PDB file of N, CA and C in Angstrom:
ATOM      1  N   MET A   1     -22.782 -14.717   6.042  1.00  0.00           N
ATOM      2  CA  MET A   1     -22.375 -16.068   5.795  1.00  0.00           C
ATOM      3  C   MET A   1     -22.533 -16.420   4.319  1.00  0.00           C
ATOM      4  N   GLU A   2     -23.589 -15.888   3.721  1.00  0.00           N
ATOM      5  CA  GLU A   2     -23.811 -16.134   2.289  1.00  0.00           C
ATOM      6  C   GLU A   2     -22.703 -15.510   1.445  1.00  0.00           C
ATOM      7  N   ALA A   3     -22.246 -14.333   1.868  1.00  0.00           N
ATOM      8  CA  ALA A   3     -21.182 -13.651   1.124  1.00  0.00           C
ATOM      9  C   ALA A   3     -19.887 -14.456   1.178  1.00  0.00           C
ATOM     10  N   ILE A   4     -19.603 -15.050   2.321  1.00  0.00           N
ATOM     11  CA  ILE A   4     -18.388 -15.871   2.445  1.00  0.00           C
ATOM     12  C   ILE A   4     -18.498 -17.109   1.570  1.00  0.00           C
ATOM     13  N   LYS A   5     -19.686 -17.722   1.532  1.00  0.00           N
ATOM     14  CA  LYS A   5     -19.888 -18.894   0.672  1.00  0.00           C
ATOM     15  C   LYS A   5     -19.706 -18.524  -0.799  1.00  0.00           C
ATOM     16  N   ALA A   6     -20.260 -17.372  -1.191  1.00  0.00           N
ATOM     17  CA  ALA A   6     -20.141 -16.932  -2.588  1.00  0.00           C
ATOM     18  C   ALA A   6     -18.673 -16.667  -2.939  1.00  0.00           C
ATOM     19  N   LEU A   7     -17.942 -16.033  -2.025  1.00  0.00           N
ATOM     20  CA  LEU A   7     -16.528 -15.772  -2.267  1.00  0.00           C
ATOM     21  C   LEU A   7     -15.728 -17.068  -2.329  1.00  0.00           C
ATOM     22  N   SER A   8     -16.114 -18.034  -1.507  1.00  0.00           N
ATOM     23  CA  SER A   8     -15.441 -19.332  -1.534  1.00  0.00           C
ATOM     24  C   SER A   8     -15.633 -20.006  -2.891  1.00  0.00           C
ATOM     25  N   GLN A   9     -16.832 -19.906  -3.437  1.00  0.00           N
ATOM     26  CA  GLN A   9     -17.101 -20.471  -4.765  1.00  0.00           C
ATOM     27  C   GLN A   9     -16.279 -19.754  -5.838  1.00  0.00           C
ATOM     28  N   LYS A  10     -16.225 -18.432  -5.748  1.00  0.00           N
ATOM     29  CA  LYS A  10     -15.424 -17.655  -6.702  1.00  0.00           C
ATOM     30  C   LYS A  10     -13.952 -18.017  -6.596  1.00  0.00           C
ATOM     31  N   LYS A  11     -13.486 -18.246  -5.379  1.00  0.00           N
ATOM     32  CA  LYS A  11     -12.087 -18.612  -5.169  1.00  0.00           C
ATOM     33  C   LYS A  11     -11.791 -19.964  -5.819  1.00  0.00           C
ATOM     34  N   MET A  12     -12.710 -20.922  -5.674  1.00  0.00           N
ATOM     35  CA  MET A  12     -12.519 -22.249  -6.275  1.00  0.00           C
ATOM     36  C   MET A  12     -12.531 -22.180  -7.802  1.00  0.00           C
ATOM     37  N   ARG A  13     -13.320 -21.252  -8.364  1.00  0.00           N
ATOM     38  CA  ARG A  13     -13.371 -21.091  -9.826  1.00  0.00           C
ATOM     39  C   ARG A  13     -12.216 -20.237 -10.342  1.00  0.00           C
ATOM     40  N   GLY A  14     -11.466 -19.619  -9.431  1.00  0.00           N
ATOM     41  CA  GLY A  14     -10.339 -18.781  -9.830  1.00  0.00           C
ATOM     42  C   GLY A  14     -10.722 -17.347 -10.129  1.00  0.00           C
ATOM     43  N   GLU A  15     -11.926 -16.943  -9.772  1.00  0.00           N
ATOM     44  CA  GLU A  15     -12.388 -15.575 -10.022  1.00  0.00           C
ATOM     45  C   GLU A  15     -11.985 -14.616  -8.906  1.00  0.00           C
ATOM     46  N   PHE A  16     -11.633 -15.155  -7.750  1.00  0.00           N
ATOM     47  CA  PHE A  16     -11.245 -14.328  -6.606  1.00  0.00           C
ATOM     48  C   PHE A  16      -9.929 -14.862  -6.053  1.00  0.00           C
ATOM     49  N   LYS A  17      -8.948 -13.975  -5.947  1.00  0.00           N
ATOM     50  CA  LYS A  17      -7.658 -14.358  -5.392  1.00  0.00           C
ATOM     51  C   LYS A  17      -7.394 -13.483  -4.173  1.00  0.00           C
ATOM     52  N   PRO A  18      -7.461 -14.065  -2.975  1.00  0.00           N
ATOM     53  CA  PRO A  18      -7.198 -13.263  -1.777  1.00  0.00           C
ATOM     54  C   PRO A  18      -5.759 -12.787  -1.742  1.00  0.00           C
ATOM     55  N   ARG A  19      -5.592 -11.552  -1.312  1.00  0.00           N
ATOM     56  CA  ARG A  19      -4.265 -10.956  -1.170  1.00  0.00           C
ATOM     57  C   ARG A  19      -4.140 -10.390   0.228  1.00  0.00           C
ATOM     58  N   LEU A  20      -3.071  -9.681   0.481  1.00  0.00           N
ATOM     59  CA  LEU A  20      -2.771  -9.181   1.821  1.00  0.00           C
ATOM     60  C   LEU A  20      -3.986  -8.615   2.552  1.00  0.00           C
ATOM     61  N   LYS A  21      -4.509  -7.509   2.074  1.00  0.00           N
ATOM     62  CA  LYS A  21      -5.598  -6.829   2.762  1.00  0.00           C
ATOM     63  C   LYS A  21      -6.963  -7.171   2.184  1.00  0.00           C
ATOM     64  N   VAL A  22      -6.980  -7.915   1.118  1.00  0.00           N
ATOM     65  CA  VAL A  22      -8.236  -8.254   0.455  1.00  0.00           C
ATOM     66  C   VAL A  22      -8.435  -9.764   0.602  1.00  0.00           C
ATOM     67  N   ASP A  23      -8.913 -10.173   1.778  1.00  0.00           N
ATOM     68  CA  ASP A  23      -9.177 -11.582   1.992  1.00  0.00           C
ATOM     69  C   ASP A  23     -10.681 -11.817   2.037  1.00  0.00           C
ATOM     70  N   GLU A  24     -11.083 -13.068   2.179  1.00  0.00           N
ATOM     71  CA  GLU A  24     -12.498 -13.411   2.142  1.00  0.00           C
ATOM     72  C   GLU A  24     -13.299 -12.680   3.221  1.00  0.00           C
ATOM     73  N   LEU A  25     -12.781 -12.669   4.436  1.00  0.00           N
ATOM     74  CA  LEU A  25     -13.519 -12.061   5.539  1.00  0.00           C
ATOM     75  C   LEU A  25     -13.675 -10.557   5.360  1.00  0.00           C
ATOM     76  N   SER A  26     -12.615  -9.886   4.942  1.00  0.00           N
ATOM     77  CA  SER A  26     -12.689  -8.425   4.751  1.00  0.00           C
ATOM     78  C   SER A  26     -13.699  -8.065   3.668  1.00  0.00           C
ATOM     79  N   VAL A  27     -13.679  -8.822   2.567  1.00  0.00           N
ATOM     80  CA  VAL A  27     -14.612  -8.537   1.476  1.00  0.00           C
ATOM     81  C   VAL A  27     -16.039  -8.849   1.900  1.00  0.00           C
ATOM     82  N   ALA A  28     -16.251  -9.968   2.588  1.00  0.00           N
ATOM     83  CA  ALA A  28     -17.595 -10.349   3.016  1.00  0.00           C
ATOM     84  C   ALA A  28     -18.166  -9.360   4.022  1.00  0.00           C
ATOM     85  N   LEU A  29     -17.322  -8.901   4.954  1.00  0.00           N
ATOM     86  CA  LEU A  29     -17.796  -7.942   5.958  1.00  0.00           C
ATOM     87  C   LEU A  29     -17.905  -6.531   5.398  1.00  0.00           C
ATOM     88  N   GLY A  30     -17.132  -6.262   4.356  1.00  0.00           N
ATOM     89  CA  GLY A  30     -17.182  -4.940   3.742  1.00  0.00           C
ATOM     90  C   GLY A  30     -16.358  -3.900   4.467  1.00  0.00           C
ATOM     91  N   ASN A  31     -15.478  -4.324   5.368  1.00  0.00           N
ATOM     92  CA  ASN A  31     -14.611  -3.349   6.037  1.00  0.00           C
ATOM     93  C   ASN A  31     -13.159  -3.701   5.779  1.00  0.00           C
ATOM     94  N   LYS A  32     -12.323  -2.696   5.891  1.00  0.00           N
ATOM     95  CA  LYS A  32     -10.904  -2.868   5.596  1.00  0.00           C
ATOM     96  C   LYS A  32     -10.179  -3.469   6.795  1.00  0.00           C
ATOM     97  N   GLU A  33      -9.065  -4.114   6.492  1.00  0.00           N
ATOM     98  CA  GLU A  33      -8.183  -4.608   7.538  1.00  0.00           C
ATOM     99  C   GLU A  33      -7.544  -3.419   8.248  1.00  0.00           C
ATOM    100  N   HIS A  34      -7.122  -3.644   9.484  1.00  0.00           N
ATOM    101  CA  HIS A  34      -6.329  -2.635  10.169  1.00  0.00           C
ATOM    102  C   HIS A  34      -5.013  -2.530   9.411  1.00  0.00           C
ATOM    103  N   PRO A  35      -4.621  -1.333   9.017  1.00  0.00           N
ATOM    104  CA  PRO A  35      -3.444  -1.207   8.155  1.00  0.00           C
ATOM    105  C   PRO A  35      -2.167  -1.738   8.801  1.00  0.00           C
ATOM    106  N   GLY A  36      -1.490  -2.601   8.079  1.00  0.00           N
ATOM    107  CA  GLY A  36      -0.189  -3.069   8.496  1.00  0.00           C
ATOM    108  C   GLY A  36      -0.171  -4.155   9.549  1.00  0.00           C
ATOM    109  N   ARG A  37      -1.308  -4.780   9.821  1.00  0.00           N
ATOM    110  CA  ARG A  37      -1.345  -5.817  10.853  1.00  0.00           C
ATOM    111  C   ARG A  37      -1.955  -7.096  10.300  1.00  0.00           C
ATOM    112  N   VAL A  38      -1.653  -8.222  10.962  1.00  0.00           N
ATOM    113  CA  VAL A  38      -2.154  -9.521  10.543  1.00  0.00           C
ATOM    114  C   VAL A  38      -3.227  -9.959  11.533  1.00  0.00           C
ATOM    115  N   ARG A  39      -4.416 -10.199  11.035  1.00  0.00           N
ATOM    116  CA  ARG A  39      -5.538 -10.582  11.881  1.00  0.00           C
ATOM    117  C   ARG A  39      -5.343 -11.995  12.418  1.00  0.00           C
ATOM    118  N   ASP A  40      -5.763 -12.228  13.639  1.00  0.00           N
ATOM    119  CA  ASP A  40      -5.766 -13.527  14.313  1.00  0.00           C
ATOM    120  C   ASP A  40      -4.377 -14.100  14.576  1.00  0.00           C
ATOM    121  N   VAL A  41      -3.323 -13.351  14.347  1.00  0.00           N
ATOM    122  CA  VAL A  41      -1.986 -13.860  14.627  1.00  0.00           C
ATOM    123  C   VAL A  41      -1.352 -13.019  15.725  1.00  0.00           C
ATOM    124  N   SER A  42      -1.228 -11.723  15.472  1.00  0.00           N
ATOM    125  CA  SER A  42      -0.627 -10.830  16.451  1.00  0.00           C
ATOM    126  C   SER A  42      -0.979  -9.404  16.099  1.00  0.00           C
ATOM    127  N   SER A  43      -1.156  -8.576  17.107  1.00  0.00           N
ATOM    128  CA  SER A  43      -1.431  -7.164  16.842  1.00  0.00           C
ATOM    129  C   SER A  43      -0.148  -6.412  16.501  1.00  0.00           C
ATOM    130  N   LYS A  44       0.989  -7.060  16.717  1.00  0.00           N
ATOM    131  CA  LYS A  44       2.263  -6.406  16.451  1.00  0.00           C
ATOM    132  C   LYS A  44       3.003  -6.998  15.255  1.00  0.00           C
ATOM    133  N   LEU A  45       2.499  -8.086  14.717  1.00  0.00           N
ATOM    134  CA  LEU A  45       3.143  -8.741  13.584  1.00  0.00           C
ATOM    135  C   LEU A  45       2.724  -8.044  12.298  1.00  0.00           C
ATOM    136  N   GLY A  46       3.685  -7.585  11.526  1.00  0.00           N
ATOM    137  CA  GLY A  46       3.393  -6.869  10.295  1.00  0.00           C
ATOM    138  C   GLY A  46       3.064  -7.803   9.147  1.00  0.00           C
ATOM    139  N   LEU A  47       2.565  -7.224   8.065  1.00  0.00           N
ATOM    140  CA  LEU A  47       2.167  -8.009   6.895  1.00  0.00           C
ATOM    141  C   LEU A  47       3.332  -8.773   6.285  1.00  0.00           C
ATOM    142  N   LYS A  48       4.500  -8.166   6.280  1.00  0.00           N
ATOM    143  CA  LYS A  48       5.669  -8.790   5.677  1.00  0.00           C
ATOM    144  C   LYS A  48       5.991 -10.132   6.337  1.00  0.00           C
ATOM    145  N   HIS A  49       5.798 -10.219   7.648  1.00  0.00           N
ATOM    146  CA  HIS A  49       6.104 -11.441   8.382  1.00  0.00           C
ATOM    147  C   HIS A  49       4.899 -12.369   8.465  1.00  0.00           C
ATOM    148  N   GLY A  50       3.714 -11.812   8.428  1.00  0.00           N
ATOM    149  CA  GLY A  50       2.500 -12.635   8.491  1.00  0.00           C
ATOM    150  C   GLY A  50       2.188 -13.325   7.182  1.00  0.00           C
ATOM    151  N   PHE A  51       2.616 -12.734   6.072  1.00  0.00           N
ATOM    152  CA  PHE A  51       2.390 -13.301   4.748  1.00  0.00           C
ATOM    153  C   PHE A  51       3.724 -13.358   4.004  1.00  0.00           C
ATOM    154  N   PRO A  52       4.612 -14.262   4.372  1.00  0.00           N
ATOM    155  CA  PRO A  52       5.929 -14.291   3.727  1.00  0.00           C
ATOM    156  C   PRO A  52       5.858 -14.574   2.225  1.00  0.00           C
ATOM    157  N   GLN A  53       4.835 -15.291   1.774  1.00  0.00           N
ATOM    158  CA  GLN A  53       4.701 -15.576   0.340  1.00  0.00           C
ATOM    159  C   GLN A  53       4.349 -14.316  -0.447  1.00  0.00           C
ATOM    160  N   GLU A  54       3.871 -13.275   0.221  1.00  0.00           N
ATOM    161  CA  GLU A  54       3.503 -12.018  -0.432  1.00  0.00           C
ATOM    162  C   GLU A  54       4.545 -10.927  -0.179  1.00  0.00           C
ATOM    163  N   ALA A  55       5.673 -11.277   0.388  1.00  0.00           N
ATOM    164  CA  ALA A  55       6.672 -10.280   0.796  1.00  0.00           C
ATOM    165  C   ALA A  55       7.149  -9.415  -0.363  1.00  0.00           C
ATOM    166  N   SER A  56       7.178  -9.971  -1.564  1.00  0.00           N
ATOM    167  CA  SER A  56       7.660  -9.193  -2.701  1.00  0.00           C
ATOM    168  C   SER A  56       6.706  -8.059  -3.073  1.00  0.00           C
ATOM    169  N   SER A  57       5.421  -8.198  -2.741  1.00  0.00           N
ATOM    170  CA  SER A  57       4.462  -7.145  -3.081  1.00  0.00           C
ATOM    171  C   SER A  57       4.306  -6.124  -1.957  1.00  0.00           C
ATOM    172  N   TYR A  58       4.949  -6.361  -0.821  1.00  0.00           N
ATOM    173  CA  TYR A  58       4.848  -5.451   0.307  1.00  0.00           C
ATOM    174  C   TYR A  58       5.771  -4.267   0.085  1.00  0.00           C
ATOM    175  N   ARG A  59       5.217  -3.060   0.127  1.00  0.00           N
ATOM    176  CA  ARG A  59       6.021  -1.853  -0.067  1.00  0.00           C
ATOM    177  C   ARG A  59       6.400  -1.263   1.275  1.00  0.00           C
ATOM    178  N   THR A  60       7.627  -0.912   1.405  1.00  0.00           N
ATOM    179  CA  THR A  60       8.072  -0.261   2.631  1.00  0.00           C
ATOM    180  C   THR A  60       7.769   1.227   2.541  1.00  0.00           C
ATOM    181  N   ARG A  61       7.888   1.899   3.638  1.00  0.00           N
ATOM    182  CA  ARG A  61       7.656   3.342   3.663  1.00  0.00           C
ATOM    183  C   ARG A  61       8.794   4.103   2.996  1.00  0.00           C
ATOM    184  N   GLN A  62       9.903   3.424   2.771  1.00  0.00           N
ATOM    185  CA  GLN A  62      11.051   4.085   2.172  1.00  0.00           C
ATOM    186  C   GLN A  62      10.728   4.590   0.770  1.00  0.00           C
ATOM    187  N   HIS A  63       9.909   3.854   0.009  1.00  0.00           N
ATOM    188  CA  HIS A  63       9.515   4.310  -1.317  1.00  0.00           C
ATOM    189  C   HIS A  63       8.803   5.661  -1.224  1.00  0.00           C
ATOM    190  N   TYR A  64       7.903   5.770  -0.243  1.00  0.00           N
ATOM    191  CA  TYR A  64       7.170   7.013  -0.041  1.00  0.00           C
ATOM    192  C   TYR A  64       8.135   8.146   0.310  1.00  0.00           C
ATOM    193  N   LYS A  65       9.083   7.866   1.197  1.00  0.00           N
ATOM    194  CA  LYS A  65      10.043   8.893   1.600  1.00  0.00           C
ATOM    195  C   LYS A  65      10.913   9.325   0.426  1.00  0.00           C
ATOM    196  N   ASP A  66      11.337   8.345  -0.387  1.00  0.00           N
ATOM    197  CA  ASP A  66      12.151   8.679  -1.553  1.00  0.00           C
ATOM    198  C   ASP A  66      11.363   9.543  -2.535  1.00  0.00           C
ATOM    199  N   ASP A  67      10.099   9.182  -2.769  1.00  0.00           N
ATOM    200  CA  ASP A  67       9.261   9.966  -3.679  1.00  0.00           C
ATOM    201  C   ASP A  67       9.050  11.372  -3.138  1.00  0.00           C
ATOM    202  N   LEU A  68       8.818  11.488  -1.844  1.00  0.00           N
ATOM    203  CA  LEU A  68       8.615  12.786  -1.221  1.00  0.00           C
ATOM    204  C   LEU A  68       9.872  13.641  -1.333  1.00  0.00           C
ATOM    205  N   PHE A  69      11.017  13.049  -1.047  1.00  0.00           N
ATOM    206  CA  PHE A  69      12.285  13.778  -1.150  1.00  0.00           C
ATOM    207  C   PHE A  69      12.520  14.240  -2.583  1.00  0.00           C
ATOM    208  N   TYR A  70      12.267  13.366  -3.560  1.00  0.00           N
ATOM    209  CA  TYR A  70      12.472  13.711  -4.965  1.00  0.00           C
ATOM    210  C   TYR A  70      11.559  14.869  -5.372  1.00  0.00           C
ATOM    211  N   THR A  71      10.298  14.843  -4.931  1.00  0.00           N
ATOM    212  CA  THR A  71       9.351  15.917  -5.247  1.00  0.00           C
ATOM    213  C   THR A  71       9.817  17.235  -4.631  1.00  0.00           C
ATOM    214  N   LEU A  72      10.222  17.199  -3.380  1.00  0.00           N
ATOM    215  CA  LEU A  72      10.700  18.419  -2.716  1.00  0.00           C
ATOM    216  C   LEU A  72      11.980  18.928  -3.367  1.00  0.00           C
ATOM    217  N   PHE A  73      12.856  18.018  -3.762  1.00  0.00           N
ATOM    218  CA  PHE A  73      14.099  18.382  -4.428  1.00  0.00           C
ATOM    219  C   PHE A  73      13.812  19.089  -5.751  1.00  0.00           C
ATOM    220  N   LYS A  74      12.864  18.560  -6.528  1.00  0.00           N
ATOM    221  CA  LYS A  74      12.499  19.186  -7.801  1.00  0.00           C
ATOM    222  C   LYS A  74      11.908  20.579  -7.577  1.00  0.00           C
ATOM    223  N   LYS A  75      11.047  20.723  -6.560  1.00  0.00           N
ATOM    224  CA  LYS A  75      10.447  22.024  -6.278  1.00  0.00           C
ATOM    225  C   LYS A  75      11.513  23.039  -5.849  1.00  0.00           C
ATOM    226  N   ALA A  76      12.446  22.587  -5.017  1.00  0.00           N
ATOM    227  CA  ALA A  76      13.512  23.482  -4.560  1.00  0.00           C
ATOM    228  C   ALA A  76      14.385  23.914  -5.732  1.00  0.00           C
ATOM    229  N   ASN A  77      14.725  22.988  -6.621  1.00  0.00           N
ATOM    230  CA  ASN A  77      15.526  23.337  -7.792  1.00  0.00           C
ATOM    231  C   ASN A  77      14.794  24.315  -8.700  1.00  0.00           C
ATOM    232  N   ALA A  78      13.501  24.108  -8.896  1.00  0.00           N
ATOM    233  CA  ALA A  78      12.723  25.017  -9.731  1.00  0.00           C
ATOM    234  C   ALA A  78      12.684  26.414  -9.115  1.00  0.00           C
ATOM    235  N   TYR A  79      12.536  26.485  -7.780  1.00  0.00           N
ATOM    236  CA  TYR A  79      12.499  27.765  -7.088  1.00  0.00           C
ATOM    237  C   TYR A  79      13.850  28.487  -7.224  1.00  0.00           C
ATOM    238  N   ILE A  80      14.920  27.757  -7.025  1.00  0.00           N
ATOM    239  CA  ILE A  80      16.261  28.351  -7.140  1.00  0.00           C
ATOM    240  C   ILE A  80      16.520  28.832  -8.562  1.00  0.00           C
ATOM    241  N   ASP A  81      16.156  28.010  -9.556  1.00  0.00           N
ATOM    242  CA  ASP A  81      16.325  28.416 -10.951  1.00  0.00           C
ATOM    243  C   ASP A  81      15.532  29.679 -11.263  1.00  0.00           C
ATOM    244  N   GLU A  82      14.325  29.761 -10.733  1.00  0.00           N
ATOM    245  CA  GLU A  82      13.486  30.946 -10.959  1.00  0.00           C
ATOM    246  C   GLU A  82      14.142  32.190 -10.354  1.00  0.00           C
ATOM    247  N   LYS A  83      14.665  32.068  -9.142  1.00  0.00           N
ATOM    248  CA  LYS A  83      15.311  33.203  -8.482  1.00  0.00           C
ATOM    249  C   LYS A  83      16.574  33.625  -9.230  1.00  0.00           C
ATOM    250  N   ILE A  84      17.345  32.653  -9.720  1.00  0.00           N
ATOM    251  CA  ILE A  84      18.547  32.975 -10.480  1.00  0.00           C
ATOM    252  C   ILE A  84      18.169  33.713 -11.771  1.00  0.00           C
ATOM    253  N   ASN A  85      17.148  33.250 -12.432  1.00  0.00           N
ATOM    254  CA  ASN A  85      16.696  33.904 -13.673  1.00  0.00           C
ATOM    255  C   ASN A  85      16.198  35.325 -13.400  1.00  0.00           C
ATOM    256  N   GLN A  86      15.517  35.521 -12.259  1.00  0.00           N
ATOM    257  CA  GLN A  86      15.061  36.864 -11.888  1.00  0.00           C
ATOM    258  C   GLN A  86      16.260  37.786 -11.647  1.00  0.00           C
ATOM    259  N   LEU A  87      17.280  37.272 -10.980  1.00  0.00           N
ATOM    260  CA  LEU A  87      18.457  38.091 -10.708  1.00  0.00           C
ATOM    261  C   LEU A  87      19.211  38.419 -11.995  1.00  0.00           C
ATOM    262  N   LYS A  88      19.270  37.481 -12.913  1.00  0.00           N
ATOM    263  CA  LYS A  88      19.933  37.721 -14.196  1.00  0.00           C
ATOM    264  C   LYS A  88      19.184  38.756 -15.012  1.00  0.00           C
ATOM    265  N   ALA A  89      17.854  38.737 -14.921  1.00  0.00           N
ATOM    266  CA  ALA A  89      17.020  39.655 -15.694  1.00  0.00           C
ATOM    267  C   ALA A  89      17.087  41.085 -15.156  1.00  0.00           C
ATOM    268  N   SER A  90      17.361  41.228 -13.878  1.00  0.00           N
ATOM    269  CA  SER A  90      17.361  42.585 -13.296  1.00  0.00           C
ATOM    270  C   SER A  90      18.704  43.235 -13.294  1.00  0.00           C
TER     271      SER A  90
END
């Protein structure tokens, strides 16, 4: 309870700004939110819909997939280039 009071004071002074997964209760309890869910609203409601004012900071999984594809694409190109160079050398 003391931790919540201290965080409330910090919030009023502007030293603490709660965000999606970093809210007063999570920080005071010291445990993380369940990933991708909104507490006390719904177990199926995602962060994007539970916090519409924060929607611009919510990252979709598509960014991860694009990064993964790009990394694999670069590795495949490097492997193919290496094999072509080996064939040219022999």
